[in-house]
Amino acid sequence: MNKKPGGAVSWRLKLSWSVVAGVQQRAVARGLARRAAATPEAISIDETAFARRHEYVTVISSEDRVLHVGDGRQQSVLEDWYREQDASTLSGLRTVAMDMWAPYIRATRAFVPDADHKIAFDRFHVAQHLSHAVDQVRRSEHKALQAAGDGSLKRTRYLWLQSPKQMSRRRKDELQELLVLMADRVEDWRLKRCRRALTVPS
């Protein structure tokens, strides 16, 4: 089998490898031309680990197109890509989807006009932060109740964190009883503790 680039394809199609290489070059050129011509209204920024999770790359995409892959996940990696874009491209962005990685947030705020109204955090990380906030509040409330001789929240960690969709009827009833019991503390939960825990990284 031909070991040159495109050799496997040329062997299967019975074409010379130079012909296959020409087709590939023209296809890449057309793709790059389309990519350059299209101005995205929404982009997604993500970090991807490889080499046993010791190395990272920053991937910027729009719909089904990869726009850029940068080495590392530092703030400067995303800033370098933003600098290469026209001001009209950045101002035309309607949504910048990302996780809650602070360097990406800082870079986007520095380059994208009205960034705080355009950044959209992905659902997985929002849910992760919410679960962490709920558990922090549970720990704090459990400590305060225990000091007063009330063990109502003992061994209830997973009851608070489990999705109601996955609960049995018995577990739902148990959670409802706790919510009634803790009704006078729920507002404090909502307005103080969870708000601090969910503060957007700066």
N, C-alpha and C. Protein backbone atom coordinates (compact mmCIF):
# COMPACT_ATOMS: atom_id res chain seq x y z
N MET A 1 0.86 -1.20 0.00
CA MET A 1 0.00 0.00 0.00
C MET A 1 0.89 1.24 0.00
N ASN A 2 0.48 2.29 -0.69
CA ASN A 2 1.23 3.53 -0.78
C ASN A 2 1.33 4.19 0.59
N LYS A 3 2.55 4.52 1.02
CA LYS A 3 2.76 5.12 2.33
C LYS A 3 2.76 6.64 2.28
N LYS A 4 2.61 7.24 1.10
CA LYS A 4 2.60 8.68 1.00
C LYS A 4 1.27 9.23 1.54
N PRO A 5 1.24 10.56 1.89
CA PRO A 5 -0.02 11.15 2.34
C PRO A 5 -1.13 10.92 1.32
N GLY A 6 -2.27 10.45 1.79
CA GLY A 6 -3.37 10.16 0.88
C GLY A 6 -3.22 8.82 0.19
N GLY A 7 -2.20 8.04 0.57
CA GLY A 7 -1.94 6.77 -0.09
C GLY A 7 -3.08 5.78 0.04
N ALA A 8 -3.66 5.67 1.22
CA ALA A 8 -4.76 4.72 1.43
C ALA A 8 -5.96 5.09 0.57
N VAL A 9 -6.26 6.39 0.50
CA VAL A 9 -7.39 6.84 -0.30
C VAL A 9 -7.12 6.61 -1.78
N SER A 10 -5.89 6.94 -2.23
CA SER A 10 -5.57 6.76 -3.65
C SER A 10 -5.62 5.29 -4.04
N TRP A 11 -5.21 4.43 -3.12
CA TRP A 11 -5.24 2.99 -3.41
C TRP A 11 -6.68 2.50 -3.56
N ARG A 12 -7.57 2.95 -2.66
CA ARG A 12 -8.96 2.51 -2.72
C ARG A 12 -9.69 3.08 -3.94
N LEU A 13 -9.37 4.34 -4.29
CA LEU A 13 -10.06 4.97 -5.42
C LEU A 13 -9.34 4.76 -6.75
N LYS A 14 -8.16 4.12 -6.66
CA LYS A 14 -7.36 3.88 -7.86
C LYS A 14 -7.01 5.19 -8.57
N LEU A 15 -6.60 6.16 -7.76
CA LEU A 15 -6.12 7.44 -8.26
C LEU A 15 -4.71 7.66 -7.76
N SER A 16 -3.94 8.46 -8.46
CA SER A 16 -2.59 8.75 -7.99
C SER A 16 -2.68 9.61 -6.73
N TRP A 17 -1.66 9.51 -5.89
CA TRP A 17 -1.72 10.26 -4.64
C TRP A 17 -1.66 11.76 -4.90
N SER A 18 -1.04 12.18 -6.00
CA SER A 18 -0.98 13.61 -6.32
C SER A 18 -2.38 14.15 -6.66
N VAL A 19 -3.20 13.33 -7.33
CA VAL A 19 -4.57 13.73 -7.63
C VAL A 19 -5.37 13.88 -6.34
N VAL A 20 -5.22 12.89 -5.44
CA VAL A 20 -5.92 12.94 -4.15
C VAL A 20 -5.48 14.16 -3.35
N ALA A 21 -4.17 14.44 -3.37
CA ALA A 21 -3.66 15.61 -2.65
C ALA A 21 -4.24 16.90 -3.22
N GLY A 22 -4.40 16.96 -4.53
CA GLY A 22 -4.98 18.14 -5.15
C GLY A 22 -6.43 18.35 -4.74
N VAL A 23 -7.20 17.24 -4.70
CA VAL A 23 -8.59 17.31 -4.25
C VAL A 23 -8.64 17.82 -2.82
N GLN A 24 -7.76 17.29 -1.98
CA GLN A 24 -7.74 17.70 -0.58
C GLN A 24 -7.42 19.18 -0.44
N GLN A 25 -6.42 19.65 -1.19
CA GLN A 25 -6.04 21.06 -1.10
C GLN A 25 -7.17 21.98 -1.53
N ARG A 26 -7.87 21.60 -2.60
CA ARG A 26 -8.98 22.44 -3.07
C ARG A 26 -10.13 22.44 -2.07
N ALA A 27 -10.39 21.26 -1.44
CA ALA A 27 -11.46 21.17 -0.45
C ALA A 27 -11.14 22.03 0.77
N VAL A 28 -9.89 21.99 1.20
CA VAL A 28 -9.47 22.81 2.35
C VAL A 28 -9.59 24.29 2.01
N ALA A 29 -9.18 24.67 0.80
CA ALA A 29 -9.25 26.07 0.37
C ALA A 29 -10.69 26.56 0.35
N ARG A 30 -11.60 25.72 -0.17
CA ARG A 30 -13.01 26.11 -0.20
C ARG A 30 -13.56 26.26 1.22
N GLY A 31 -13.18 25.32 2.10
CA GLY A 31 -13.65 25.39 3.48
C GLY A 31 -13.15 26.63 4.19
N LEU A 32 -11.88 26.97 3.98
CA LEU A 32 -11.33 28.17 4.61
C LEU A 32 -11.98 29.43 4.07
N ALA A 33 -12.29 29.43 2.77
CA ALA A 33 -12.96 30.59 2.16
C ALA A 33 -14.35 30.78 2.76
N ARG A 34 -15.09 29.68 2.93
CA ARG A 34 -16.42 29.77 3.52
C ARG A 34 -16.33 30.22 4.97
N ARG A 35 -15.32 29.71 5.68
CA ARG A 35 -15.16 30.08 7.07
C ARG A 35 -14.85 31.56 7.21
N ALA A 36 -14.01 32.07 6.32
CA ALA A 36 -13.63 33.48 6.38
C ALA A 36 -14.82 34.38 6.04
N ALA A 37 -15.67 33.90 5.13
CA ALA A 37 -16.80 34.72 4.69
C ALA A 37 -17.91 34.76 5.71
N ALA A 38 -18.05 33.71 6.49
CA ALA A 38 -19.15 33.63 7.44
C ALA A 38 -18.79 34.33 8.74
N THR A 39 -19.64 35.25 9.18
CA THR A 39 -19.42 35.93 10.45
C THR A 39 -20.33 35.31 11.49
N PRO A 40 -19.78 34.64 12.49
CA PRO A 40 -20.64 33.95 13.47
C PRO A 40 -21.34 34.92 14.40
N GLU A 41 -22.56 34.59 14.75
CA GLU A 41 -23.30 35.35 15.76
C GLU A 41 -23.16 34.72 17.13
N ALA A 42 -22.77 33.45 17.15
CA ALA A 42 -22.60 32.73 18.43
C ALA A 42 -21.36 31.87 18.34
N ILE A 43 -20.56 31.89 19.38
CA ILE A 43 -19.38 31.04 19.45
C ILE A 43 -19.39 30.26 20.75
N SER A 44 -18.68 29.16 20.76
CA SER A 44 -18.53 28.33 21.95
C SER A 44 -17.05 28.19 22.24
N ILE A 45 -16.68 28.36 23.50
CA ILE A 45 -15.28 28.27 23.91
C ILE A 45 -15.17 27.15 24.94
N ASP A 46 -14.25 26.23 24.69
CA ASP A 46 -14.12 25.09 25.59
C ASP A 46 -12.66 24.72 25.72
N GLU A 47 -12.34 24.11 26.84
CA GLU A 47 -10.99 23.59 27.05
C GLU A 47 -11.04 22.07 26.92
N THR A 48 -10.05 21.52 26.27
CA THR A 48 -9.99 20.08 26.08
C THR A 48 -8.62 19.58 26.53
N ALA A 49 -8.63 18.54 27.35
CA ALA A 49 -7.38 17.98 27.86
C ALA A 49 -6.96 16.78 27.03
N PHE A 50 -5.66 16.60 26.89
CA PHE A 50 -5.14 15.41 26.25
C PHE A 50 -3.82 15.05 26.94
N ALA A 51 -3.17 14.01 26.47
CA ALA A 51 -1.91 13.55 27.07
C ALA A 51 -2.10 13.30 28.56
N ARG A 52 -3.08 12.45 28.88
CA ARG A 52 -3.39 12.09 30.27
C ARG A 52 -3.74 13.31 31.11
N ARG A 53 -4.42 14.27 30.47
CA ARG A 53 -4.97 15.44 31.15
C ARG A 53 -3.92 16.38 31.70
N HIS A 54 -2.71 16.34 31.15
CA HIS A 54 -1.67 17.26 31.59
C HIS A 54 -1.49 18.42 30.62
N GLU A 55 -2.07 18.31 29.43
CA GLU A 55 -1.97 19.37 28.43
C GLU A 55 -3.37 19.78 28.02
N TYR A 56 -3.54 21.09 27.76
CA TYR A 56 -4.85 21.60 27.38
C TYR A 56 -4.78 22.39 26.08
N VAL A 57 -5.89 22.40 25.36
CA VAL A 57 -6.05 23.29 24.22
C VAL A 57 -7.36 24.03 24.39
N THR A 58 -7.43 25.22 23.83
CA THR A 58 -8.67 26.00 23.81
C THR A 58 -9.30 25.85 22.44
N VAL A 59 -10.54 25.40 22.40
CA VAL A 59 -11.24 25.18 21.14
C VAL A 59 -12.36 26.21 21.02
N ILE A 60 -12.32 26.97 19.93
CA ILE A 60 -13.36 27.96 19.65
C ILE A 60 -14.14 27.47 18.43
N SER A 61 -15.44 27.36 18.58
CA SER A 61 -16.25 26.81 17.49
C SER A 61 -17.52 27.63 17.32
N SER A 62 -18.16 27.43 16.18
CA SER A 62 -19.44 28.06 15.89
C SER A 62 -20.30 27.05 15.16
N GLU A 63 -21.41 26.67 15.78
CA GLU A 63 -22.27 25.61 15.25
C GLU A 63 -21.43 24.35 15.04
N ASP A 64 -21.29 23.89 13.78
CA ASP A 64 -20.54 22.66 13.55
C ASP A 64 -19.15 22.94 13.00
N ARG A 65 -18.68 24.19 13.12
CA ARG A 65 -17.37 24.54 12.58
C ARG A 65 -16.39 24.86 13.70
N VAL A 66 -15.19 24.33 13.60
CA VAL A 66 -14.11 24.71 14.52
C VAL A 66 -13.41 25.92 13.92
N LEU A 67 -13.42 27.03 14.67
CA LEU A 67 -12.81 28.27 14.18
C LEU A 67 -11.35 28.38 14.53
N HIS A 68 -10.99 27.81 15.68
CA HIS A 68 -9.60 27.98 16.14
C HIS A 68 -9.29 26.97 17.24
N VAL A 69 -8.06 26.49 17.25
CA VAL A 69 -7.57 25.65 18.34
C VAL A 69 -6.28 26.29 18.84
N GLY A 70 -6.27 26.71 20.10
CA GLY A 70 -5.11 27.36 20.68
C GLY A 70 -4.43 26.48 21.71
N ASP A 71 -3.13 26.63 21.83
CA ASP A 71 -2.34 25.81 22.75
C ASP A 71 -2.43 26.37 24.16
N GLY A 72 -3.06 25.62 25.06
CA GLY A 72 -3.20 26.05 26.45
C GLY A 72 -4.60 26.60 26.71
N ARG A 73 -4.84 26.93 27.97
CA ARG A 73 -6.15 27.49 28.35
C ARG A 73 -6.00 28.78 29.14
N GLN A 74 -4.85 29.45 28.93
CA GLN A 74 -4.62 30.71 29.62
C GLN A 74 -5.46 31.83 28.99
N GLN A 75 -5.61 32.90 29.72
CA GLN A 75 -6.36 34.05 29.23
C GLN A 75 -5.78 34.56 27.92
N SER A 76 -4.44 34.57 27.82
CA SER A 76 -3.78 35.10 26.63
C SER A 76 -4.11 34.31 25.37
N VAL A 77 -4.41 33.01 25.51
CA VAL A 77 -4.73 32.18 24.35
C VAL A 77 -6.00 32.68 23.68
N LEU A 78 -7.02 32.96 24.48
CA LEU A 78 -8.28 33.46 23.93
C LEU A 78 -8.13 34.91 23.48
N GLU A 79 -7.36 35.69 24.22
CA GLU A 79 -7.14 37.08 23.84
C GLU A 79 -6.47 37.18 22.48
N ASP A 80 -5.51 36.30 22.20
CA ASP A 80 -4.82 36.31 20.90
C ASP A 80 -5.82 36.10 19.76
N TRP A 81 -6.79 35.20 19.96
CA TRP A 81 -7.80 34.98 18.91
C TRP A 81 -8.70 36.19 18.76
N TYR A 82 -9.11 36.76 19.88
CA TYR A 82 -9.96 37.94 19.81
C TYR A 82 -9.26 39.08 19.06
N ARG A 83 -7.95 39.25 19.26
CA ARG A 83 -7.21 40.32 18.60
C ARG A 83 -7.20 40.16 17.08
N GLU A 84 -7.30 38.93 16.61
CA GLU A 84 -7.28 38.67 15.17
C GLU A 84 -8.61 38.97 14.50
N GLN A 85 -9.67 39.20 15.29
CA GLN A 85 -11.00 39.41 14.73
C GLN A 85 -11.27 40.90 14.50
N ASP A 86 -12.08 41.17 13.48
CA ASP A 86 -12.51 42.55 13.23
C ASP A 86 -13.41 43.02 14.37
N ALA A 87 -13.39 44.31 14.58
CA ALA A 87 -14.25 44.88 15.63
C ALA A 87 -15.71 44.58 15.35
N SER A 88 -16.09 44.58 14.05
CA SER A 88 -17.49 44.30 13.70
C SER A 88 -17.87 42.86 14.03
N THR A 89 -16.92 41.94 13.90
CA THR A 89 -17.18 40.54 14.23
C THR A 89 -17.46 40.39 15.72
N LEU A 90 -16.64 41.04 16.54
CA LEU A 90 -16.80 40.94 17.99
C LEU A 90 -18.07 41.64 18.46
N SER A 91 -18.36 42.79 17.89
CA SER A 91 -19.57 43.49 18.31
C SER A 91 -20.83 42.78 17.81
N GLY A 92 -20.69 41.98 16.74
CA GLY A 92 -21.83 41.25 16.20
C GLY A 92 -22.15 39.95 16.91
N LEU A 93 -21.28 39.55 17.82
CA LEU A 93 -21.55 38.33 18.58
C LEU A 93 -22.75 38.54 19.49
N ARG A 94 -23.66 37.59 19.46
CA ARG A 94 -24.84 37.66 20.33
C ARG A 94 -24.69 36.75 21.54
N THR A 95 -23.95 35.65 21.37
CA THR A 95 -23.77 34.69 22.46
C THR A 95 -22.35 34.15 22.46
N VAL A 96 -21.75 34.09 23.65
CA VAL A 96 -20.44 33.46 23.83
C VAL A 96 -20.62 32.40 24.91
N ALA A 97 -20.73 31.15 24.49
CA ALA A 97 -20.98 30.05 25.43
C ALA A 97 -19.65 29.52 25.96
N MET A 98 -19.60 29.24 27.25
CA MET A 98 -18.37 28.75 27.88
C MET A 98 -18.69 28.14 29.23
N ASP A 99 -17.67 27.52 29.83
CA ASP A 99 -17.84 27.09 31.21
C ASP A 99 -17.46 28.27 32.10
N MET A 100 -17.32 28.05 33.39
CA MET A 100 -17.06 29.15 34.31
C MET A 100 -15.57 29.34 34.56
N TRP A 101 -14.75 29.10 33.55
CA TRP A 101 -13.30 29.26 33.66
C TRP A 101 -12.97 30.75 33.63
N ALA A 102 -12.45 31.27 34.75
CA ALA A 102 -12.25 32.71 34.94
C ALA A 102 -11.40 33.36 33.84
N PRO A 103 -10.30 32.74 33.37
CA PRO A 103 -9.51 33.38 32.30
C PRO A 103 -10.31 33.64 31.02
N TYR A 104 -11.22 32.71 30.67
CA TYR A 104 -12.05 32.93 29.49
C TYR A 104 -13.02 34.09 29.71
N ILE A 105 -13.55 34.19 30.91
CA ILE A 105 -14.48 35.27 31.23
C ILE A 105 -13.77 36.61 31.14
N ARG A 106 -12.57 36.69 31.71
CA ARG A 106 -11.81 37.96 31.69
C ARG A 106 -11.46 38.37 30.27
N ALA A 107 -11.02 37.41 29.47
CA ALA A 107 -10.66 37.72 28.08
C ALA A 107 -11.87 38.22 27.30
N THR A 108 -13.00 37.57 27.49
CA THR A 108 -14.22 37.95 26.77
C THR A 108 -14.70 39.32 27.21
N ARG A 109 -14.63 39.61 28.48
CA ARG A 109 -15.02 40.93 28.97
C ARG A 109 -14.13 42.03 28.40
N ALA A 110 -12.85 41.68 28.18
CA ALA A 110 -11.90 42.68 27.69
C ALA A 110 -12.10 43.01 26.21
N PHE A 111 -12.65 42.06 25.43
CA PHE A 111 -12.70 42.24 23.98
C PHE A 111 -14.10 42.30 23.37
N VAL A 112 -15.07 41.69 24.00
CA VAL A 112 -16.41 41.63 23.42
C VAL A 112 -17.30 42.70 24.06
N PRO A 113 -17.82 43.63 23.26
CA PRO A 113 -18.69 44.67 23.82
C PRO A 113 -19.92 44.07 24.50
N ASP A 114 -20.25 44.62 25.66
CA ASP A 114 -21.43 44.18 26.42
C ASP A 114 -21.34 42.68 26.75
N ALA A 115 -20.15 42.23 27.09
CA ALA A 115 -19.89 40.80 27.28
C ALA A 115 -20.77 40.16 28.35
N ASP A 116 -21.04 40.88 29.43
CA ASP A 116 -21.80 40.27 30.52
C ASP A 116 -23.22 39.89 30.12
N HIS A 117 -23.73 40.50 29.05
CA HIS A 117 -25.06 40.15 28.56
C HIS A 117 -25.00 39.10 27.45
N LYS A 118 -23.79 38.72 27.06
CA LYS A 118 -23.63 37.76 25.97
C LYS A 118 -23.04 36.43 26.41
N ILE A 119 -22.36 36.43 27.55
CA ILE A 119 -21.77 35.19 28.05
C ILE A 119 -22.87 34.26 28.54
N ALA A 120 -22.84 33.03 28.07
CA ALA A 120 -23.82 32.01 28.50
C ALA A 120 -23.04 30.82 29.04
N PHE A 121 -23.22 30.53 30.31
CA PHE A 121 -22.53 29.40 30.93
C PHE A 121 -23.25 28.10 30.59
N ASP A 122 -22.49 27.05 30.36
CA ASP A 122 -23.11 25.78 30.00
C ASP A 122 -23.84 25.17 31.20
N ARG A 123 -24.88 24.42 30.89
CA ARG A 123 -25.78 23.89 31.91
C ARG A 123 -25.07 22.99 32.91
N PHE A 124 -24.11 22.18 32.44
CA PHE A 124 -23.42 21.25 33.33
C PHE A 124 -22.71 21.99 34.46
N HIS A 125 -21.97 23.06 34.11
CA HIS A 125 -21.21 23.76 35.14
C HIS A 125 -22.11 24.58 36.05
N VAL A 126 -23.20 25.12 35.50
CA VAL A 126 -24.15 25.83 36.36
C VAL A 126 -24.74 24.87 37.40
N ALA A 127 -25.13 23.67 36.93
CA ALA A 127 -25.69 22.67 37.85
C ALA A 127 -24.65 22.25 38.88
N GLN A 128 -23.41 22.13 38.46
CA GLN A 128 -22.33 21.76 39.38
C GLN A 128 -22.17 22.80 40.48
N HIS A 129 -22.20 24.09 40.11
CA HIS A 129 -22.06 25.16 41.09
C HIS A 129 -23.28 25.22 42.01
N LEU A 130 -24.45 24.98 41.46
CA LEU A 130 -25.65 24.97 42.29
C LEU A 130 -25.59 23.85 43.33
N SER A 131 -25.16 22.68 42.91
CA SER A 131 -25.04 21.55 43.85
C SER A 131 -24.04 21.88 44.95
N HIS A 132 -22.94 22.50 44.58
CA HIS A 132 -21.93 22.88 45.57
C HIS A 132 -22.50 23.90 46.55
N ALA A 133 -23.28 24.88 46.02
CA ALA A 133 -23.87 25.89 46.88
C ALA A 133 -24.86 25.28 47.86
N VAL A 134 -25.70 24.38 47.35
CA VAL A 134 -26.68 23.71 48.22
C VAL A 134 -25.98 22.94 49.32
N ASP A 135 -24.90 22.24 48.98
CA ASP A 135 -24.20 21.44 49.99
C ASP A 135 -23.52 22.32 51.02
N GLN A 136 -23.00 23.47 50.59
CA GLN A 136 -22.39 24.40 51.54
C GLN A 136 -23.42 24.90 52.54
N VAL A 137 -24.59 25.24 52.03
CA VAL A 137 -25.66 25.72 52.92
C VAL A 137 -26.11 24.61 53.87
N ARG A 138 -26.26 23.40 53.34
CA ARG A 138 -26.67 22.27 54.18
C ARG A 138 -25.68 22.06 55.32
N ARG A 139 -24.40 22.11 55.00
CA ARG A 139 -23.36 21.93 56.04
C ARG A 139 -23.49 23.00 57.12
N SER A 140 -23.65 24.25 56.67
CA SER A 140 -23.73 25.36 57.61
C SER A 140 -24.97 25.25 58.50
N GLU A 141 -26.11 24.93 57.87
CA GLU A 141 -27.35 24.81 58.63
C GLU A 141 -27.31 23.61 59.58
N HIS A 142 -26.72 22.51 59.11
CA HIS A 142 -26.62 21.32 59.95
C HIS A 142 -25.77 21.61 61.20
N LYS A 143 -24.68 22.34 61.00
CA LYS A 143 -23.81 22.68 62.13
C LYS A 143 -24.56 23.53 63.15
N ALA A 144 -25.34 24.52 62.64
CA ALA A 144 -26.08 25.41 63.54
C ALA A 144 -27.19 24.66 64.27
N LEU A 145 -27.88 23.78 63.55
CA LEU A 145 -28.96 23.01 64.18
C LEU A 145 -28.43 22.02 65.20
N GLN A 146 -27.30 21.39 64.87
CA GLN A 146 -26.71 20.42 65.80
C GLN A 146 -26.31 21.09 67.11
N ALA A 147 -25.78 22.30 66.99
CA ALA A 147 -25.37 23.03 68.20
C ALA A 147 -26.57 23.31 69.10
N ALA A 148 -27.77 23.38 68.49
CA ALA A 148 -29.00 23.62 69.26
C ALA A 148 -29.69 22.31 69.63
N GLY A 149 -29.02 21.18 69.36
CA GLY A 149 -29.57 19.89 69.71
C GLY A 149 -30.56 19.32 68.70
N ASP A 150 -30.57 19.88 67.48
CA ASP A 150 -31.50 19.43 66.45
C ASP A 150 -30.72 18.67 65.37
N GLY A 151 -31.05 17.41 65.18
CA GLY A 151 -30.34 16.60 64.18
C GLY A 151 -31.13 16.36 62.92
N SER A 152 -32.03 17.28 62.57
CA SER A 152 -32.93 17.10 61.42
C SER A 152 -32.20 16.89 60.09
N LEU A 153 -31.03 17.50 59.94
CA LEU A 153 -30.32 17.43 58.67
C LEU A 153 -29.24 16.35 58.62
N LYS A 154 -29.19 15.54 59.68
CA LYS A 154 -28.18 14.48 59.72
C LYS A 154 -28.46 13.45 58.63
N ARG A 155 -27.41 13.07 57.91
CA ARG A 155 -27.48 12.08 56.82
C ARG A 155 -28.49 12.46 55.73
N THR A 156 -28.57 13.74 55.42
CA THR A 156 -29.51 14.16 54.35
C THR A 156 -28.79 14.75 53.13
N ARG A 157 -27.47 14.63 53.11
CA ARG A 157 -26.70 15.27 52.03
C ARG A 157 -27.21 14.86 50.64
N TYR A 158 -27.29 13.57 50.38
CA TYR A 158 -27.65 13.10 49.05
C TYR A 158 -29.13 13.33 48.74
N LEU A 159 -29.91 13.51 49.77
CA LEU A 159 -31.32 13.83 49.56
C LEU A 159 -31.46 15.21 48.94
N TRP A 160 -30.61 16.16 49.38
CA TRP A 160 -30.65 17.51 48.84
C TRP A 160 -30.04 17.57 47.43
N LEU A 161 -29.07 16.72 47.16
CA LEU A 161 -28.34 16.81 45.90
C LEU A 161 -28.95 15.97 44.78
N GLN A 162 -29.74 14.97 45.12
CA GLN A 162 -30.31 14.10 44.09
C GLN A 162 -31.38 14.83 43.28
N SER A 163 -31.43 14.54 42.00
CA SER A 163 -32.46 15.13 41.15
C SER A 163 -33.82 14.55 41.51
N PRO A 164 -34.84 15.41 41.68
CA PRO A 164 -36.19 14.90 41.99
C PRO A 164 -36.70 13.92 40.94
N LYS A 165 -36.25 14.04 39.71
CA LYS A 165 -36.69 13.14 38.65
C LYS A 165 -36.23 11.70 38.90
N GLN A 166 -35.16 11.56 39.67
CA GLN A 166 -34.61 10.24 39.95
C GLN A 166 -35.01 9.71 41.32
N MET A 167 -35.83 10.45 42.04
CA MET A 167 -36.21 10.05 43.39
C MET A 167 -37.40 9.10 43.39
N SER A 168 -37.38 8.22 44.35
CA SER A 168 -38.57 7.38 44.60
C SER A 168 -39.61 8.25 45.29
N ARG A 169 -40.83 7.77 45.36
CA ARG A 169 -41.89 8.51 46.05
C ARG A 169 -41.53 8.73 47.52
N ARG A 170 -40.93 7.72 48.15
CA ARG A 170 -40.55 7.85 49.56
C ARG A 170 -39.52 8.97 49.74
N ARG A 171 -38.54 9.02 48.84
CA ARG A 171 -37.50 10.05 48.95
C ARG A 171 -38.08 11.44 48.72
N LYS A 172 -39.02 11.55 47.78
CA LYS A 172 -39.66 12.84 47.53
C LYS A 172 -40.42 13.31 48.76
N ASP A 173 -41.09 12.38 49.42
CA ASP A 173 -41.84 12.72 50.64
C ASP A 173 -40.89 13.19 51.74
N GLU A 174 -39.74 12.51 51.85
CA GLU A 174 -38.75 12.90 52.85
C GLU A 174 -38.23 14.31 52.59
N LEU A 175 -37.96 14.61 51.32
CA LEU A 175 -37.48 15.95 50.97
C LEU A 175 -38.54 17.00 51.25
N GLN A 176 -39.78 16.69 50.93
CA GLN A 176 -40.86 17.64 51.17
C GLN A 176 -41.00 17.94 52.66
N GLU A 177 -40.86 16.91 53.50
CA GLU A 177 -40.93 17.12 54.95
C GLU A 177 -39.81 18.04 55.41
N LEU A 178 -38.62 17.87 54.84
CA LEU A 178 -37.49 18.73 55.20
C LEU A 178 -37.73 20.16 54.77
N LEU A 179 -38.30 20.33 53.57
CA LEU A 179 -38.58 21.69 53.07
C LEU A 179 -39.58 22.41 53.96
N VAL A 180 -40.58 21.67 54.44
CA VAL A 180 -41.56 22.26 55.36
C VAL A 180 -40.88 22.62 56.67
N LEU A 181 -40.05 21.70 57.16
CA LEU A 181 -39.34 21.92 58.41
C LEU A 181 -38.41 23.12 58.33
N MET A 182 -37.79 23.30 57.15
CA MET A 182 -36.79 24.36 56.99
C MET A 182 -37.37 25.61 56.33
N ALA A 183 -38.69 25.73 56.26
CA ALA A 183 -39.33 26.82 55.51
C ALA A 183 -38.84 28.19 55.95
N ASP A 184 -38.63 28.37 57.25
CA ASP A 184 -38.23 29.69 57.73
C ASP A 184 -36.79 30.02 57.38
N ARG A 185 -36.02 29.02 56.89
CA ARG A 185 -34.63 29.25 56.52
C ARG A 185 -34.43 29.30 55.00
N VAL A 186 -35.44 28.91 54.25
CA VAL A 186 -35.28 28.80 52.80
C VAL A 186 -34.94 30.14 52.16
N GLU A 187 -35.57 31.22 52.61
CA GLU A 187 -35.33 32.53 52.01
C GLU A 187 -33.89 32.96 52.22
N ASP A 188 -33.37 32.68 53.40
CA ASP A 188 -31.97 33.01 53.68
C ASP A 188 -31.07 32.20 52.77
N TRP A 189 -31.43 30.94 52.56
CA TRP A 189 -30.71 30.08 51.63
C TRP A 189 -30.59 30.75 50.28
N ARG A 190 -31.76 31.14 49.78
CA ARG A 190 -31.86 31.65 48.42
C ARG A 190 -31.12 32.97 48.25
N LEU A 191 -31.37 33.89 49.15
CA LEU A 191 -30.93 35.26 48.95
C LEU A 191 -29.50 35.54 49.41
N LYS A 192 -28.98 34.75 50.30
CA LYS A 192 -27.66 35.04 50.83
C LYS A 192 -26.62 34.00 50.42
N ARG A 193 -26.76 32.78 50.92
CA ARG A 193 -25.73 31.77 50.74
C ARG A 193 -25.55 31.39 49.28
N CYS A 194 -26.62 31.02 48.60
CA CYS A 194 -26.52 30.56 47.22
C CYS A 194 -26.03 31.67 46.30
N ARG A 195 -26.47 32.91 46.59
CA ARG A 195 -26.03 34.03 45.76
C ARG A 195 -24.52 34.20 45.83
N ARG A 196 -23.96 34.12 47.04
CA ARG A 196 -22.51 34.25 47.18
C ARG A 196 -21.80 33.09 46.51
N ALA A 197 -22.31 31.89 46.66
CA ALA A 197 -21.67 30.71 46.10
C ALA A 197 -21.68 30.73 44.58
N LEU A 198 -22.67 31.39 43.99
CA LEU A 198 -22.80 31.40 42.54
C LEU A 198 -22.27 32.67 41.89
N THR A 199 -21.54 33.48 42.64
CA THR A 199 -20.98 34.71 42.08
C THR A 199 -20.08 34.37 40.89
N VAL A 200 -20.27 35.08 39.78
CA VAL A 200 -19.47 34.83 38.58
C VAL A 200 -18.02 35.16 38.86
N PRO A 201 -17.09 34.26 38.50
CA PRO A 201 -15.67 34.54 38.75
C PRO A 201 -15.24 35.82 38.06
N SER A 202 -14.34 36.56 38.70
CA SER A 202 -13.86 37.81 38.10
C SER A 202 -12.41 37.69 37.67
